[in-house]
């Protein structure tokens, strides 16, 4: 009996100590190891906080962009608690799709035109006409106001000015096929790159989307002039900087970032016939629990002063047409954004078929007759 009572005493003491530990832990802040390592896998608490509103943002933007914008928004809207979950545009689409019955996010910040079009078609985005609606070109937004393009990403001809003079570089897409550029072109691996898939699909489309034969022939000639396919952007930059090649095809924003912030010997030529211009946009998630906070962030993102700052610091090209030219950086003032005529719905539907054919029947075979 005494032994039994002794055991019970030990158990009671253990329980009391355990309860005290739990209470102290709940009062403490906890360290980084207690928090999710990847916020994109955490479940947001998409409700209003005790102090004010809550805003849950799903974003495809880089951390350096988020770190510039979110503090500015919070300073202007101190009553809104902001939670940002970072993931790729395709991951955002899949997450919003999976949460359709019970949306956990409020705002989609940074998505490709095709991903946002798909989300709109699946009734995942809320229709909202912002105050700046009329300043955004119809081709950069959804006709039913379910998404708006935030910035533009023209695809251009990239060159190393220390290896080839500007006057000797190609001026348009067809110039790249000139035999004088053989083995001077290095291309980022196509299938793994959204940029390159867009450029190559656009080259097929411009030759005739109904029948890709002429487009395939064009890519075969480009392949004949291509020295190498780099495995990733870093490898591409390294090879061009070393002058292992002098030409490539890439997006304007990344070229400018490498040139101005990394001091790389790169520059670009805007093709005379026009460029494929990717639209990178935003939208409100339908059924989001914090609609008013989402609307405030929507309006904030497109403020002319912020757009001009991002153009200066991060080389983003704004979709708003009413931003005063004198507030824009010099590199952007003289740039004419001529679009290559493309049907983006056709591009989206045909891309996989076209790129599979390129990979299997053209890559590395262009020099063979």
Protein backbone atom coordinates (compact mmCIF):
# COMPACT_ATOMS: atom_id res chain seq x y z
CA UNK A 1 0.00 0.00 0.00
CA UNK A 2 2.82 2.42 0.92
CA UNK A 3 4.55 1.54 -2.34
CA UNK A 4 1.38 2.30 -4.30
CA UNK A 5 0.92 5.67 -2.58
CA UNK A 6 4.56 6.53 -3.28
CA UNK A 7 4.12 5.82 -7.01
CA UNK A 8 0.99 7.96 -7.12
CA UNK A 9 2.90 10.85 -5.52
CA UNK A 10 5.63 10.65 -8.17
CA UNK A 11 3.04 10.66 -10.96
CA UNK A 12 1.24 13.69 -9.50
CA UNK A 13 4.50 15.63 -9.13
CA UNK A 14 5.48 14.81 -12.71
CA UNK A 15 2.12 16.03 -14.00
CA UNK A 16 2.40 19.31 -12.07
CA UNK A 17 5.92 19.97 -13.35
CA UNK A 18 4.83 19.13 -16.90
CA UNK A 19 1.95 21.59 -16.68
CA UNK A 20 4.26 24.35 -15.43
CA UNK A 21 6.69 23.73 -18.31
CA UNK A 22 3.86 23.97 -20.86
CA UNK A 23 2.61 27.19 -19.29
CA UNK A 24 6.05 28.77 -19.37
CA UNK A 25 6.61 27.70 -22.98
CA UNK A 26 3.30 29.25 -24.04
CA UNK A 27 4.30 32.55 -22.42
CA UNK A 28 7.75 32.56 -24.04
CA UNK A 29 8.48 33.72 -27.58
CA UNK A 30 10.10 30.52 -28.83
CA UNK A 31 13.12 30.46 -31.15
CA UNK A 32 13.46 30.18 -34.92
CA UNK A 33 13.65 26.40 -34.72
CA UNK A 34 10.09 26.35 -33.40
CA UNK A 35 8.76 28.10 -36.52
CA UNK A 36 8.16 26.66 -40.00
CA UNK A 37 11.36 26.75 -42.05
CA UNK A 38 9.35 27.29 -45.24
CA UNK A 39 6.42 29.67 -44.84
CA UNK A 40 4.98 28.46 -48.12
CA UNK A 41 3.97 25.23 -46.37
CA UNK A 42 2.48 26.86 -43.29
CA UNK A 43 -1.25 27.44 -42.83
CA UNK A 44 -2.10 31.15 -42.54
CA UNK A 45 -4.53 32.43 -39.97
CA UNK A 46 -6.63 34.42 -42.44
CA UNK A 47 -8.77 36.25 -39.89
CA UNK A 48 -8.80 39.72 -38.38
CA UNK A 49 -6.41 40.16 -35.49
CA UNK A 50 -7.49 41.70 -32.20
CA UNK A 51 -5.77 44.98 -33.11
CA UNK A 52 -7.03 45.29 -36.68
CA UNK A 53 -7.13 43.59 -40.04
CA UNK A 54 -5.17 40.64 -41.34
CA UNK A 55 -3.82 40.31 -44.89
CA UNK A 56 -2.47 37.03 -46.24
CA UNK A 57 -0.43 37.35 -49.43
CA UNK A 58 0.70 34.52 -51.69
CA UNK A 59 3.64 35.81 -53.72
CA UNK A 60 6.02 34.77 -56.44
CA UNK A 61 8.16 37.87 -55.91
CA UNK A 62 11.81 37.62 -54.85
CA UNK A 63 12.65 38.37 -51.22
CA UNK A 64 14.45 41.61 -52.14
CA UNK A 65 11.21 42.92 -53.70
CA UNK A 66 9.11 41.83 -50.72
CA UNK A 67 11.57 43.45 -48.31
CA UNK A 68 11.22 46.78 -50.11
CA UNK A 69 7.44 46.86 -50.46
CA UNK A 70 5.92 45.27 -47.35
CA UNK A 71 7.53 47.65 -44.80
CA UNK A 72 6.28 50.61 -46.86
CA UNK A 73 2.76 49.19 -46.91
CA UNK A 74 2.80 48.47 -43.16
CA UNK A 75 4.03 51.97 -42.42
CA UNK A 76 1.12 53.38 -44.37
CA UNK A 77 -1.36 50.86 -42.94
CA UNK A 78 -0.25 50.16 -39.34
CA UNK A 79 -3.56 48.55 -38.45
CA UNK A 80 -3.10 45.69 -40.94
CA UNK A 81 -1.14 42.61 -39.94
CA UNK A 82 0.57 41.20 -43.03
CA UNK A 83 1.59 37.59 -43.61
CA UNK A 84 3.54 36.79 -46.77
CA UNK A 85 3.93 33.25 -48.08
CA UNK A 86 6.46 32.85 -50.89
CA UNK A 87 6.16 30.23 -53.62
CA UNK A 88 6.28 29.85 -57.40
CA UNK A 89 3.43 31.04 -59.62
CA UNK A 90 2.40 27.47 -60.45
CA UNK A 91 2.47 26.56 -56.75
CA UNK A 92 0.24 29.53 -55.99
CA UNK A 93 -2.24 28.41 -58.63
CA UNK A 94 -2.33 24.90 -57.22
CA UNK A 95 -2.72 26.17 -53.66
CA UNK A 96 -5.53 28.60 -54.50
CA UNK A 97 -7.21 25.85 -56.49
CA UNK A 98 -6.91 23.42 -53.57
CA UNK A 99 -8.31 26.00 -51.13
CA UNK A 100 -11.24 27.02 -53.32
CA UNK A 101 -13.85 25.68 -50.89
CA UNK A 102 -12.23 27.53 -47.97
CA UNK A 103 -9.76 30.21 -49.17
CA UNK A 104 -6.88 30.91 -46.79
CA UNK A 105 -5.16 33.62 -48.80
CA UNK A 106 -6.38 37.08 -49.77
CA UNK A 107 -4.05 38.36 -52.46
CA UNK A 108 -2.02 36.79 -55.28
CA UNK A 109 1.07 38.93 -55.89
CA UNK A 110 3.25 37.94 -58.83
CA UNK A 111 1.90 35.48 -61.36
CA UNK A 112 2.41 34.80 -65.05
CA UNK A 113 -0.29 35.88 -67.45
CA UNK A 114 -1.11 32.26 -68.31
CA UNK A 115 -1.40 31.22 -64.64
CA UNK A 116 -3.68 34.15 -63.85
CA UNK A 117 -5.78 33.48 -66.95
CA UNK A 118 -6.21 29.87 -65.84
CA UNK A 119 -7.18 30.97 -62.31
CA UNK A 120 -9.74 33.42 -63.72
CA UNK A 121 -11.23 30.73 -65.95
CA UNK A 122 -11.56 28.45 -62.90
CA UNK A 123 -13.38 31.19 -60.96
CA UNK A 124 -10.59 31.49 -58.38
CA UNK A 125 -10.15 35.27 -58.61
CA UNK A 126 -12.48 38.04 -57.49
CA UNK A 127 -13.52 40.75 -59.92
CA UNK A 128 -12.31 44.13 -58.66
CA UNK A 129 -11.89 47.30 -60.69
CA UNK A 130 -9.16 49.42 -59.05
CA UNK A 131 -8.95 53.20 -59.29
CA UNK A 132 -6.10 53.00 -61.83
CA UNK A 133 -7.95 50.59 -64.17
CA UNK A 134 -8.14 52.98 -67.13
CA UNK A 135 -4.38 53.58 -67.06
CA UNK A 136 -3.56 49.92 -67.81
CA UNK A 137 -3.66 48.77 -71.42
CA UNK A 138 -6.38 46.21 -72.21
CA UNK A 139 -3.75 43.63 -73.21
CA UNK A 140 -2.20 43.83 -69.74
CA UNK A 141 -5.35 43.04 -67.75
CA UNK A 142 -8.37 40.78 -67.59
CA UNK A 143 -11.47 42.02 -69.40
CA UNK A 144 -13.55 41.21 -66.30
CA UNK A 145 -11.10 42.84 -63.84
CA UNK A 146 -10.06 39.55 -62.24
CA UNK A 147 -6.34 40.28 -62.60
CA UNK A 148 -4.09 43.20 -63.61
CA UNK A 149 -0.55 43.19 -64.93
CA UNK A 150 1.83 44.83 -62.47
CA UNK A 151 4.97 44.83 -64.62
CA UNK A 152 6.19 43.89 -68.09
CA UNK A 153 9.03 41.56 -69.00
CA UNK A 154 10.16 42.05 -72.62
CA UNK A 155 12.25 39.23 -74.10
CA UNK A 156 15.18 40.72 -76.01
CA UNK A 157 18.56 40.04 -77.63
CA UNK A 158 21.38 39.99 -75.07
CA UNK A 159 25.02 40.68 -75.93
CA UNK A 160 28.43 41.25 -74.39
CA UNK A 161 29.66 44.68 -75.62
CA UNK A 162 33.28 43.77 -74.79
CA UNK A 163 33.06 40.83 -77.22
CA UNK A 164 30.91 42.32 -79.98
CA UNK A 165 30.18 45.92 -80.91
CA UNK A 166 26.57 47.06 -80.81
CA UNK A 167 26.63 47.96 -84.50
CA UNK A 168 27.80 44.43 -85.32
CA UNK A 169 25.18 42.69 -83.15
CA UNK A 170 21.82 41.40 -84.49
CA UNK A 171 19.09 44.04 -84.72
CA UNK A 172 16.14 41.67 -85.09
CA UNK A 173 15.21 38.03 -84.59
CA UNK A 174 15.93 36.89 -88.15
CA UNK A 175 19.42 38.42 -87.98
CA UNK A 176 20.34 35.73 -85.45
CA UNK A 177 20.23 33.18 -88.28
CA UNK A 178 23.06 34.87 -90.19
CA UNK A 179 25.99 32.40 -90.53
CA UNK A 180 28.37 35.09 -89.20
CA UNK A 181 26.93 34.47 -85.73
CA UNK A 182 27.66 30.74 -85.78
CA UNK A 183 29.10 29.59 -82.44
CA UNK A 184 28.62 33.06 -80.93
CA UNK A 185 25.23 32.26 -79.40
CA UNK A 186 24.78 30.64 -75.99
CA UNK A 187 21.22 29.78 -74.96
CA UNK A 188 19.87 29.04 -71.49
CA UNK A 189 18.57 25.44 -71.39
CA UNK A 190 15.14 25.81 -72.98
CA UNK A 191 12.80 23.28 -71.37
CA UNK A 192 13.62 24.31 -67.80
CA UNK A 193 13.23 28.02 -68.49
CA UNK A 194 9.92 29.89 -68.69
CA UNK A 195 11.74 32.75 -70.43
CA UNK A 196 13.23 30.53 -73.13
CA UNK A 197 10.03 28.53 -73.65
CA UNK A 198 8.23 31.82 -74.22
CA UNK A 199 10.84 33.10 -76.68
CA UNK A 200 11.01 29.87 -78.66
CA UNK A 201 7.22 29.51 -78.75
CA UNK A 202 6.98 33.11 -79.93
CA UNK A 203 9.45 32.37 -82.74
CA UNK A 204 7.21 29.52 -83.91
CA UNK A 205 4.05 31.61 -83.53
CA UNK A 206 5.41 34.49 -85.64
CA UNK A 207 6.02 32.09 -88.54
CA UNK A 208 2.43 30.83 -88.35
CA UNK A 209 0.78 29.19 -85.35
CA UNK A 210 -1.64 27.06 -87.42
CA UNK A 211 1.25 25.14 -88.97
CA UNK A 212 4.49 25.14 -86.93
CA UNK A 213 6.63 23.76 -89.78
CA UNK A 214 8.18 27.13 -90.72
CA UNK A 215 8.76 27.91 -87.07
CA UNK A 216 10.54 24.61 -86.58
CA UNK A 217 12.77 25.40 -89.57
CA UNK A 218 13.59 28.77 -88.03
CA UNK A 219 14.60 27.16 -84.73
CA UNK A 220 16.68 24.60 -86.60
CA UNK A 221 18.70 27.42 -88.18
CA UNK A 222 19.09 29.07 -84.79
CA UNK A 223 20.30 25.77 -83.37
CA UNK A 224 22.92 25.63 -86.13
CA UNK A 225 24.32 28.95 -84.87
CA UNK A 226 24.08 28.00 -81.18
CA UNK A 227 27.37 27.01 -79.59
CA UNK A 228 25.95 25.71 -76.32
CA UNK A 229 22.89 25.40 -74.08
CA UNK A 230 23.72 26.61 -70.55
CA UNK A 231 22.25 24.61 -67.69
CA UNK A 232 21.00 27.63 -65.71
CA UNK A 233 21.10 31.47 -65.70
CA UNK A 234 24.27 31.58 -63.56
CA UNK A 235 26.06 29.37 -66.06
CA UNK A 236 24.79 31.53 -68.93
CA UNK A 237 26.08 34.72 -67.31
CA UNK A 238 29.45 33.14 -66.58
CA UNK A 239 29.97 31.95 -70.16
CA UNK A 240 28.96 35.28 -71.69
CA UNK A 241 31.16 37.22 -69.26
CA UNK A 242 34.11 34.96 -70.17
CA UNK A 243 33.35 35.61 -73.86
CA UNK A 244 32.81 31.93 -74.58
CA UNK A 245 29.94 33.40 -76.56
CA UNK A 246 28.81 36.94 -77.23
CA UNK A 247 25.05 36.65 -77.83
CA UNK A 248 21.96 35.23 -76.17
CA UNK A 249 18.20 35.71 -75.82
CA UNK A 250 16.92 36.73 -72.39
CA UNK A 251 14.54 38.98 -70.47
CA UNK A 252 15.34 42.68 -70.20
CA UNK A 253 14.92 43.01 -66.43
CA UNK A 254 17.49 40.33 -65.59
CA UNK A 255 19.95 41.77 -68.11
CA UNK A 256 19.65 45.19 -66.47
CA UNK A 257 20.01 43.76 -62.96
CA UNK A 258 23.16 41.88 -63.96
CA UNK A 259 24.58 44.92 -65.73
CA UNK A 260 23.82 47.54 -63.09
CA UNK A 261 23.97 45.66 -59.79
CA UNK A 262 26.51 42.91 -60.59
CA UNK A 263 28.70 44.99 -62.94
CA UNK A 264 28.46 42.32 -65.63
CA UNK A 265 29.50 43.23 -69.21
CA UNK A 266 26.00 42.80 -70.62
CA UNK A 267 23.59 44.92 -72.62
CA UNK A 268 20.52 44.40 -74.77
CA UNK A 269 19.06 45.17 -78.17
CA UNK A 270 15.30 45.57 -78.47
CA UNK A 271 14.29 43.71 -81.68
CA UNK A 272 13.03 46.08 -84.37
CA UNK A 273 10.02 43.91 -85.21
CA UNK A 274 8.95 43.77 -81.56
CA UNK A 275 9.44 41.57 -78.52
CA UNK A 276 7.34 38.96 -76.73
CA UNK A 277 6.27 40.86 -73.60
CA UNK A 278 5.38 38.72 -70.62
CA UNK A 279 2.83 40.25 -68.27
CA UNK A 280 3.47 39.59 -64.59
CA UNK A 281 0.38 40.39 -62.55
CA UNK A 282 -1.73 40.30 -59.42
CA UNK A 283 -5.26 39.48 -58.34
CA UNK A 284 -7.56 39.12 -55.35
CA UNK A 285 -8.37 35.57 -54.30
CA UNK A 286 -12.10 34.95 -54.51
CA UNK A 287 -13.60 34.28 -51.09
CA UNK A 288 -10.62 35.72 -49.24
CA UNK A 289 -11.51 36.64 -45.68
CA UNK A 290 -9.84 40.05 -45.69
CA UNK A 291 -11.20 41.76 -48.77
CA UNK A 292 -10.79 45.37 -47.63
CA UNK A 293 -7.14 44.88 -46.68
CA UNK A 294 -6.53 43.18 -50.03
CA UNK A 295 -8.04 46.15 -51.87
CA UNK A 296 -5.74 48.54 -49.99
CA UNK A 297 -2.69 46.49 -50.94
CA UNK A 298 -3.90 46.35 -54.56
CA UNK A 299 -4.09 50.14 -54.75
CA UNK A 300 -0.79 50.59 -52.90
CA UNK A 301 1.15 48.32 -55.29
CA UNK A 302 0.24 50.47 -58.27
CA UNK A 303 0.94 53.89 -56.76
CA UNK A 304 2.93 55.92 -59.33
CA UNK A 305 5.68 56.89 -56.87
CA UNK A 306 6.24 53.26 -55.89
CA UNK A 307 6.23 52.10 -59.52
CA UNK A 308 8.83 54.76 -60.39
CA UNK A 309 11.00 53.68 -57.44
CA UNK A 310 10.87 50.01 -58.47
CA UNK A 311 11.74 50.96 -62.04
CA UNK A 312 14.79 52.81 -60.72
CA UNK A 313 16.00 50.25 -58.18
CA UNK A 314 14.82 46.91 -59.54
CA UNK A 315 14.37 47.65 -63.27
CA UNK A 316 10.69 46.80 -63.27
CA UNK A 317 8.66 48.15 -66.18
CA UNK A 318 5.26 49.37 -64.91
CA UNK A 319 2.03 48.66 -66.76
CA UNK A 320 0.52 52.01 -65.79
CA UNK A 321 0.65 54.39 -68.74
CA UNK A 322 0.00 57.55 -66.72
CA UNK A 323 3.24 57.66 -64.72
CA UNK A 324 5.02 60.95 -65.40
CA UNK A 325 8.03 60.36 -67.64
CA UNK A 326 10.23 62.70 -65.63
CA UNK A 327 9.87 60.39 -62.60
CA UNK A 328 11.09 57.34 -64.53
CA UNK A 329 14.76 56.31 -64.74
CA UNK A 330 16.82 57.24 -67.80
CA UNK A 331 17.15 53.64 -68.99
CA UNK A 332 13.37 53.36 -69.32
CA UNK A 333 12.53 56.78 -70.77
CA UNK A 334 13.91 56.04 -74.22
CA UNK A 335 12.60 52.47 -74.42
CA UNK A 336 9.82 51.84 -76.93
CA UNK A 337 7.90 48.74 -75.83
CA UNK A 338 6.93 47.41 -79.22
CA UNK A 339 5.06 44.12 -78.87
CA UNK A 340 5.48 41.16 -81.14
CA UNK A 341 1.90 40.28 -82.17
CA UNK A 342 1.05 37.06 -80.33
CA UNK A 343 -2.08 35.18 -79.31
CA UNK A 344 -1.21 34.23 -75.75
CA UNK A 345 -4.04 31.72 -75.43
CA UNK A 346 -2.65 29.85 -78.45
CA UNK A 347 0.86 30.11 -77.02
CA UNK A 348 -0.31 28.58 -73.74
CA UNK A 349 -2.16 25.72 -75.42
CA UNK A 350 0.63 24.86 -77.89
CA UNK A 351 3.75 25.46 -75.82
CA UNK A 352 4.22 21.91 -74.53
CA UNK A 353 3.70 20.35 -77.97
CA UNK A 354 6.09 22.78 -79.65
CA UNK A 355 8.79 22.54 -77.01
CA UNK A 356 8.64 18.73 -76.89
CA UNK A 357 9.17 18.67 -80.66
CA UNK A 358 12.07 21.10 -80.38
CA UNK A 359 13.73 18.98 -77.69
CA UNK A 360 13.30 15.70 -79.54
CA UNK A 361 13.77 16.72 -83.18
CA UNK A 362 15.69 20.03 -83.33
CA UNK A 363 18.06 20.50 -80.41
CA UNK A 364 21.61 19.71 -81.49
CA UNK A 365 20.51 18.77 -85.02
CA UNK A 366 20.35 22.21 -86.66
CA UNK A 367 23.83 21.96 -88.19
CA UNK A 368 22.98 18.67 -89.88
CA UNK A 369 21.59 18.84 -93.40
